[in-house]
């Protein structure tokens, strides 16, 4: 079915400003496409700064294969997610009914067409973070049982600009009292220059030794 263009009639002098066309006698109809094309903000195309390597034909073929495999994986992942949702939506209420009448179970099995227990659906007792502010809302639902079914998990985070004042704080309450309430953990976080200057600042030997101590994540491969 053909889609009709929405046409807006403007006076000739106004339509000429938008379209850049000379006005004709009377009014000249212009479409919404004309308006958008003349007023649309043009986004400049940025040139990629990632260098394209000159490689062997064999390596280029491997890149082709990666793209092919990635497309297959993406398609399979999407289909898997859709079918998984259908299965969970179907067996979820069955499991809930068993839990309500026969006792809690975390898993159920879905047999295949030949009768084998092919798929196991498992629910784990982990939940997304529940803001403490929601405690009263939960209390309104289950009353004082909120304390029976929920516990408060607290995390103390030091402000970024408070490190210099930490010693002053410890001295004020004493190291023993501090250890009574706090546990500390420190780690080294490579700065940006460690990454950007790694190959120009350190010798080959230093690089090898550093790699043993500072493990960088494996590079990702994005195929499209």
C-alpha atoms as a PDB file:
ATOM      1  CA  UNK A   1       0.000   0.000   0.000  1.00  0.00           C
ATOM      2  CA  UNK A   2       1.455   3.326  -1.039  1.00  0.00           C
ATOM      3  CA  UNK A   3       2.207   5.811   1.729  1.00  0.00           C
ATOM      4  CA  UNK A   4       0.874   9.285   1.150  1.00  0.00           C
ATOM      5  CA  UNK A   5       3.239  12.182   1.679  1.00  0.00           C
ATOM      6  CA  UNK A   6       1.965  14.769   4.059  1.00  0.00           C
ATOM      7  CA  UNK A   7       1.899  18.055   2.157  1.00  0.00           C
ATOM      8  CA  UNK A   8       2.001  21.449   3.847  1.00  0.00           C
ATOM      9  CA  UNK A   9       0.982  24.495   1.850  1.00  0.00           C
ATOM     10  CA  UNK A  10       3.081  27.587   2.490  1.00  0.00           C
ATOM     11  CA  UNK A  11       3.039  30.994   0.855  1.00  0.00           C
ATOM     12  CA  UNK A  12       5.320  31.158  -2.177  1.00  0.00           C
ATOM     13  CA  UNK A  13       7.852  33.431  -0.523  1.00  0.00           C
ATOM     14  CA  UNK A  14       8.133  31.097   2.529  1.00  0.00           C
ATOM     15  CA  UNK A  15       8.418  27.888   0.478  1.00  0.00           C
ATOM     16  CA  UNK A  16      11.220  29.368  -1.572  1.00  0.00           C
ATOM     17  CA  UNK A  17      13.225  30.037   1.612  1.00  0.00           C
ATOM     18  CA  UNK A  18      12.952  26.405   2.618  1.00  0.00           C
ATOM     19  CA  UNK A  19      13.374  24.646  -0.703  1.00  0.00           C
ATOM     20  CA  UNK A  20      15.628  27.167  -2.408  1.00  0.00           C
ATOM     21  CA  UNK A  21      13.345  27.062  -5.431  1.00  0.00           C
ATOM     22  CA  UNK A  22      11.998  30.106  -7.174  1.00  0.00           C
ATOM     23  CA  UNK A  23       8.426  30.874  -6.186  1.00  0.00           C
ATOM     24  CA  UNK A  24       5.700  30.277  -8.715  1.00  0.00           C
ATOM     25  CA  UNK A  25       2.418  32.046  -8.926  1.00  0.00           C
ATOM     26  CA  UNK A  26       0.185  31.504  -5.944  1.00  0.00           C
ATOM     27  CA  UNK A  27       1.245  28.861  -3.429  1.00  0.00           C
ATOM     28  CA  UNK A  28       3.735  26.081  -4.040  1.00  0.00           C
ATOM     29  CA  UNK A  29       3.069  22.835  -2.104  1.00  0.00           C
ATOM     30  CA  UNK A  30       6.063  21.327  -0.328  1.00  0.00           C
ATOM     31  CA  UNK A  31       6.306  17.982   1.427  1.00  0.00           C
ATOM     32  CA  UNK A  32       7.509  17.171   4.949  1.00  0.00           C
ATOM     33  CA  UNK A  33      10.535  15.532   3.296  1.00  0.00           C
ATOM     34  CA  UNK A  34      11.466  18.924   1.813  1.00  0.00           C
ATOM     35  CA  UNK A  35      11.252  20.531   5.254  1.00  0.00           C
ATOM     36  CA  UNK A  36      13.359  17.861   6.976  1.00  0.00           C
ATOM     37  CA  UNK A  37      15.961  17.740   4.224  1.00  0.00           C
ATOM     38  CA  UNK A  38      16.457  21.492   4.366  1.00  0.00           C
ATOM     39  CA  UNK A  39      16.523  21.769   8.168  1.00  0.00           C
ATOM     40  CA  UNK A  40      18.168  18.481   9.131  1.00  0.00           C
ATOM     41  CA  UNK A  41      21.442  18.865  10.990  1.00  0.00           C
ATOM     42  CA  UNK A  42      24.209  17.216   9.028  1.00  0.00           C
ATOM     43  CA  UNK A  43      26.442  15.104  11.238  1.00  0.00           C
ATOM     44  CA  UNK A  44      30.001  15.049   9.904  1.00  0.00           C
ATOM     45  CA  UNK A  45      31.408  11.575   9.338  1.00  0.00           C
ATOM     46  CA  UNK A  46      34.473  11.102  11.496  1.00  0.00           C
ATOM     47  CA  UNK A  47      37.385   9.310   9.947  1.00  0.00           C
ATOM     48  CA  UNK A  48      38.537   6.336  11.966  1.00  0.00           C
ATOM     49  CA  UNK A  49      41.892   6.753  13.686  1.00  0.00           C
ATOM     50  CA  UNK A  50      42.351   2.983  13.991  1.00  0.00           C
ATOM     51  CA  UNK A  51      45.111   1.924  11.581  1.00  0.00           C
ATOM     52  CA  UNK A  52      44.319  -0.749   9.007  1.00  0.00           C
ATOM     53  CA  UNK A  53      47.147  -3.247   8.835  1.00  0.00           C
ATOM     54  CA  UNK A  54      48.695  -4.772   5.725  1.00  0.00           C
ATOM     55  CA  UNK A  55      48.412  -8.485   6.326  1.00  0.00           C
ATOM     56  CA  UNK A  56      48.697 -11.774   4.456  1.00  0.00           C
ATOM     57  CA  UNK A  57      45.765 -13.137   2.485  1.00  0.00           C
ATOM     58  CA  UNK A  58      45.569 -16.021   4.948  1.00  0.00           C
ATOM     59  CA  UNK A  59      45.037 -13.630   7.859  1.00  0.00           C
ATOM     60  CA  UNK A  60      42.402 -11.698   5.892  1.00  0.00           C
ATOM     61  CA  UNK A  61      40.590 -14.986   5.296  1.00  0.00           C
ATOM     62  CA  UNK A  62      40.631 -15.596   9.042  1.00  0.00           C
ATOM     63  CA  UNK A  63      39.049 -12.158   9.518  1.00  0.00           C
ATOM     64  CA  UNK A  64      36.353 -13.167   7.018  1.00  0.00           C
ATOM     65  CA  UNK A  65      35.778 -16.354   8.993  1.00  0.00           C
ATOM     66  CA  UNK A  66      35.513 -14.429  12.259  1.00  0.00           C
ATOM     67  CA  UNK A  67      32.829 -12.168  10.787  1.00  0.00           C
ATOM     68  CA  UNK A  68      30.943 -15.212   9.509  1.00  0.00           C
ATOM     69  CA  UNK A  69      31.163 -16.935  12.892  1.00  0.00           C
ATOM     70  CA  UNK A  70      30.168 -13.767  14.758  1.00  0.00           C
ATOM     71  CA  UNK A  71      27.066 -13.394  12.603  1.00  0.00           C
ATOM     72  CA  UNK A  72      26.174 -17.019  13.281  1.00  0.00           C
ATOM     73  CA  UNK A  73      26.699 -16.535  17.017  1.00  0.00           C
ATOM     74  CA  UNK A  74      24.625 -13.332  17.080  1.00  0.00           C
ATOM     75  CA  UNK A  75      21.783 -15.026  15.247  1.00  0.00           C
ATOM     76  CA  UNK A  76      21.921 -18.107  17.484  1.00  0.00           C
ATOM     77  CA  UNK A  77      22.160 -15.966  20.639  1.00  0.00           C
ATOM     78  CA  UNK A  78      19.070 -13.994  19.669  1.00  0.00           C
ATOM     79  CA  UNK A  79      17.108 -17.151  18.868  1.00  0.00           C
ATOM     80  CA  UNK A  80      18.323 -18.821  22.073  1.00  0.00           C
ATOM     81  CA  UNK A  81      17.150 -15.855  24.172  1.00  0.00           C
ATOM     82  CA  UNK A  82      13.710 -15.896  22.559  1.00  0.00           C
ATOM     83  CA  UNK A  83      13.187 -19.647  23.020  1.00  0.00           C
ATOM     84  CA  UNK A  84      14.600 -19.499  26.570  1.00  0.00           C
ATOM     85  CA  UNK A  85      12.033 -16.856  27.521  1.00  0.00           C
ATOM     86  CA  UNK A  86       9.228 -18.984  26.107  1.00  0.00           C
ATOM     87  CA  UNK A  87      10.379 -21.986  28.160  1.00  0.00           C
ATOM     88  CA  UNK A  88      10.837 -19.980  31.377  1.00  0.00           C
ATOM     89  CA  UNK A  89       7.448 -18.307  30.959  1.00  0.00           C
ATOM     90  CA  UNK A  90       5.883 -21.736  30.563  1.00  0.00           C
ATOM     91  CA  UNK A  91       7.616 -23.678  33.361  1.00  0.00           C
ATOM     92  CA  UNK A  92       7.855 -20.800  35.855  1.00  0.00           C
ATOM     93  CA  UNK A  93       4.229 -21.059  37.029  1.00  0.00           C
ATOM     94  CA  UNK A  94       4.549 -24.875  37.220  1.00  0.00           C
ATOM     95  CA  UNK A  95       7.545 -24.558  39.522  1.00  0.00           C
ATOM     96  CA  UNK A  96       5.806 -21.918  41.636  1.00  0.00           C
ATOM     97  CA  UNK A  97       2.851 -24.258  42.101  1.00  0.00           C
ATOM     98  CA  UNK A  98       5.157 -27.059  43.270  1.00  0.00           C
ATOM     99  CA  UNK A  99       6.918 -24.685  45.687  1.00  0.00           C
ATOM    100  CA  UNK A 100       3.590 -23.546  47.120  1.00  0.00           C
ATOM    101  CA  UNK A 101       2.128 -27.010  47.640  1.00  0.00           C
ATOM    102  CA  UNK A 102       5.030 -29.440  47.987  1.00  0.00           C
ATOM    103  CA  UNK A 103       7.945 -27.341  49.272  1.00  0.00           C
ATOM    104  CA  UNK A 104      10.700 -25.248  47.752  1.00  0.00           C
ATOM    105  CA  UNK A 105      12.619 -26.487  44.739  1.00  0.00           C
ATOM    106  CA  UNK A 106      15.189 -24.478  42.815  1.00  0.00           C
ATOM    107  CA  UNK A 107      15.169 -26.507  39.603  1.00  0.00           C
ATOM    108  CA  UNK A 108      12.779 -28.235  37.237  1.00  0.00           C
ATOM    109  CA  UNK A 109      13.482 -30.379  34.212  1.00  0.00           C
ATOM    110  CA  UNK A 110      11.874 -30.114  30.807  1.00  0.00           C
ATOM    111  CA  UNK A 111      11.991 -33.407  28.891  1.00  0.00           C
ATOM    112  CA  UNK A 112      12.848 -33.591  25.219  1.00  0.00           C
ATOM    113  CA  UNK A 113      10.616 -35.231  22.615  1.00  0.00           C
ATOM    114  CA  UNK A 114      12.269 -38.617  23.242  1.00  0.00           C
ATOM    115  CA  UNK A 115      11.609 -38.391  26.975  1.00  0.00           C
ATOM    116  CA  UNK A 116      15.095 -37.470  28.135  1.00  0.00           C
ATOM    117  CA  UNK A 117      15.464 -34.737  30.755  1.00  0.00           C
ATOM    118  CA  UNK A 118      16.994 -32.379  28.215  1.00  0.00           C
ATOM    119  CA  UNK A 119      16.672 -28.921  29.792  1.00  0.00           C
ATOM    120  CA  UNK A 120      17.023 -27.929  33.443  1.00  0.00           C
ATOM    121  CA  UNK A 121      15.751 -24.528  34.553  1.00  0.00           C
ATOM    122  CA  UNK A 122      17.287 -23.273  37.810  1.00  0.00           C
ATOM    123  CA  UNK A 123      16.438 -20.244  39.916  1.00  0.00           C
ATOM    124  CA  UNK A 124      19.174 -18.947  42.246  1.00  0.00           C
ATOM    125  CA  UNK A 125      18.679 -16.966  45.425  1.00  0.00           C
ATOM    126  CA  UNK A 126      20.379 -13.832  44.129  1.00  0.00           C
ATOM    127  CA  UNK A 127      18.607 -10.559  43.538  1.00  0.00           C
ATOM    128  CA  UNK A 128      19.410  -7.163  42.117  1.00  0.00           C
ATOM    129  CA  UNK A 129      20.261  -4.578  44.757  1.00  0.00           C
ATOM    130  CA  UNK A 130      17.266  -3.431  46.793  1.00  0.00           C
ATOM    131  CA  UNK A 131      17.640   0.165  47.940  1.00  0.00           C
ATOM    132  CA  UNK A 132      17.367   0.552  51.729  1.00  0.00           C
ATOM    133  CA  UNK A 133      14.741   3.223  51.137  1.00  0.00           C
ATOM    134  CA  UNK A 134      12.384   0.480  49.911  1.00  0.00           C
ATOM    135  CA  UNK A 135      12.378  -1.147  53.357  1.00  0.00           C
ATOM    136  CA  UNK A 136       9.254   0.681  54.466  1.00  0.00           C
ATOM    137  CA  UNK A 137       7.464  -0.164  51.225  1.00  0.00           C
ATOM    138  CA  UNK A 138       8.253  -3.836  51.852  1.00  0.00           C
ATOM    139  CA  UNK A 139       7.136  -3.479  55.467  1.00  0.00           C
ATOM    140  CA  UNK A 140       3.753  -2.258  54.252  1.00  0.00           C
ATOM    141  CA  UNK A 141       3.432  -5.515  52.321  1.00  0.00           C
ATOM    142  CA  UNK A 142       4.662  -8.104  54.848  1.00  0.00           C
ATOM    143  CA  UNK A 143       4.670  -6.147  58.094  1.00  0.00           C
ATOM    144  CA  UNK A 144       7.303  -6.858  60.733  1.00  0.00           C
ATOM    145  CA  UNK A 145       8.336  -9.967  58.831  1.00  0.00           C
ATOM    146  CA  UNK A 146      10.598  -7.663  56.833  1.00  0.00           C
ATOM    147  CA  UNK A 147      13.279  -8.268  59.485  1.00  0.00           C
ATOM    148  CA  UNK A 148      12.771 -12.006  59.183  1.00  0.00           C
ATOM    149  CA  UNK A 149      13.270 -12.110  55.433  1.00  0.00           C
ATOM    150  CA  UNK A 150      15.696  -9.259  54.825  1.00  0.00           C
ATOM    151  CA  UNK A 151      19.005  -8.203  56.314  1.00  0.00           C
ATOM    152  CA  UNK A 152      20.871  -4.977  55.923  1.00  0.00           C
ATOM    153  CA  UNK A 153      24.118  -5.100  53.996  1.00  0.00           C
ATOM    154  CA  UNK A 154      26.303  -2.066  54.509  1.00  0.00           C
ATOM    155  CA  UNK A 155      29.302  -0.875  52.562  1.00  0.00           C
ATOM    156  CA  UNK A 156      31.452   1.986  53.718  1.00  0.00           C
ATOM    157  CA  UNK A 157      33.153   3.789  50.863  1.00  0.00           C
ATOM    158  CA  UNK A 158      35.828   6.366  51.424  1.00  0.00           C
ATOM    159  CA  UNK A 159      35.455   9.583  49.515  1.00  0.00           C
ATOM    160  CA  UNK A 160      38.105  10.135  46.881  1.00  0.00           C
ATOM    161  CA  UNK A 161      39.364  13.307  48.513  1.00  0.00           C
ATOM    162  CA  UNK A 162      39.387  11.903  52.067  1.00  0.00           C
ATOM    163  CA  UNK A 163      42.511   9.725  51.895  1.00  0.00           C
ATOM    164  CA  UNK A 164      44.733  12.518  53.225  1.00  0.00           C
ATOM    165  CA  UNK A 165      42.464  12.852  56.256  1.00  0.00           C
ATOM    166  CA  UNK A 166      42.338   9.126  57.002  1.00  0.00           C
ATOM    167  CA  UNK A 167      45.385   9.145  59.272  1.00  0.00           C
ATOM    168  CA  UNK A 168      43.916  12.048  61.196  1.00  0.00           C
ATOM    169  CA  UNK A 169      40.704  10.072  61.668  1.00  0.00           C
ATOM    170  CA  UNK A 170      42.559   6.900  62.786  1.00  0.00           C
ATOM    171  CA  UNK A 171      44.592   8.864  65.292  1.00  0.00           C
ATOM    172  CA  UNK A 172      41.442  10.412  66.707  1.00  0.00           C
ATOM    173  CA  UNK A 173      39.772   7.057  67.479  1.00  0.00           C
ATOM    174  CA  UNK A 174      42.868   4.853  67.827  1.00  0.00           C
ATOM    175  CA  UNK A 175      44.094   2.092  65.520  1.00  0.00           C
ATOM    176  CA  UNK A 176      42.548  -0.694  67.614  1.00  0.00           C
ATOM    177  CA  UNK A 177      39.107   0.900  67.543  1.00  0.00           C
ATOM    178  CA  UNK A 178      39.478   1.475  63.807  1.00  0.00           C
ATOM    179  CA  UNK A 179      40.285  -2.232  63.215  1.00  0.00           C
ATOM    180  CA  UNK A 180      37.266  -3.153  65.314  1.00  0.00           C
ATOM    181  CA  UNK A 181      34.938  -1.605  62.765  1.00  0.00           C
ATOM    182  CA  UNK A 182      36.812  -1.542  59.465  1.00  0.00           C
ATOM    183  CA  UNK A 183      38.585  -3.906  57.108  1.00  0.00           C
ATOM    184  CA  UNK A 184      40.731  -2.450  54.384  1.00  0.00           C
ATOM    185  CA  UNK A 185      41.879  -3.739  51.044  1.00  0.00           C
ATOM    186  CA  UNK A 186      44.263  -2.070  48.657  1.00  0.00           C
ATOM    187  CA  UNK A 187      45.144  -2.713  45.051  1.00  0.00           C
ATOM    188  CA  UNK A 188      47.212  -1.073  42.379  1.00  0.00           C
ATOM    189  CA  UNK A 189      45.326   0.354  39.432  1.00  0.00           C
ATOM    190  CA  UNK A 190      47.431   1.096  36.337  1.00  0.00           C
ATOM    191  CA  UNK A 191      47.071   4.672  35.184  1.00  0.00           C
ATOM    192  CA  UNK A 192      46.180   5.524  31.608  1.00  0.00           C
ATOM    193  CA  UNK A 193      49.794   6.319  30.796  1.00  0.00           C
ATOM    194  CA  UNK A 194      50.782   2.765  31.759  1.00  0.00           C
ATOM    195  CA  UNK A 195      48.704   1.581  28.803  1.00  0.00           C
ATOM    196  CA  UNK A 196      49.555   4.328  26.345  1.00  0.00           C
ATOM    197  CA  UNK A 197      53.289   4.475  27.119  1.00  0.00           C
ATOM    198  CA  UNK A 198      53.933   0.794  27.841  1.00  0.00           C
ATOM    199  CA  UNK A 199      55.756   0.084  24.597  1.00  0.00           C
ATOM    200  CA  UNK A 200      57.745   3.314  24.502  1.00  0.00           C
ATOM    201  CA  UNK A 201      58.808   3.643  28.137  1.00  0.00           C
ATOM    202  CA  UNK A 202      59.746   0.113  29.208  1.00  0.00           C
ATOM    203  CA  UNK A 203      62.412  -2.143  27.726  1.00  0.00           C
ATOM    204  CA  UNK A 204      61.476  -5.483  26.190  1.00  0.00           C
ATOM    205  CA  UNK A 205      62.692  -7.226  29.344  1.00  0.00           C
ATOM    206  CA  UNK A 206      60.722  -4.892  31.595  1.00  0.00           C
ATOM    207  CA  UNK A 207      57.628  -5.437  29.497  1.00  0.00           C
ATOM    208  CA  UNK A 208      57.908  -9.204  29.879  1.00  0.00           C
ATOM    209  CA  UNK A 209      58.368  -8.953  33.663  1.00  0.00           C
ATOM    210  CA  UNK A 210      55.483  -6.491  33.996  1.00  0.00           C
ATOM    211  CA  UNK A 211      53.148  -8.742  32.035  1.00  0.00           C
ATOM    212  CA  UNK A 212      53.730 -11.473  34.626  1.00  0.00           C
ATOM    213  CA  UNK A 213      52.563  -9.158  37.411  1.00  0.00           C
ATOM    214  CA  UNK A 214      50.015  -6.930  35.706  1.00  0.00           C
ATOM    215  CA  UNK A 215      47.534  -8.997  33.698  1.00  0.00           C
ATOM    216  CA  UNK A 216      45.703  -7.082  31.014  1.00  0.00           C
ATOM    217  CA  UNK A 217      42.320  -8.326  29.815  1.00  0.00           C
ATOM    218  CA  UNK A 218      42.326 -10.226  26.575  1.00  0.00           C
ATOM    219  CA  UNK A 219      41.437  -8.010  23.607  1.00  0.00           C
ATOM    220  CA  UNK A 220      37.889  -8.230  22.357  1.00  0.00           C
ATOM    221  CA  UNK A 221      37.115  -9.201  18.798  1.00  0.00           C
ATOM    222  CA  UNK A 222      34.184  -7.407  17.200  1.00  0.00           C
ATOM    223  CA  UNK A 223      33.125  -8.721  13.862  1.00  0.00           C
ATOM    224  CA  UNK A 224      30.511  -7.061  11.711  1.00  0.00           C
END
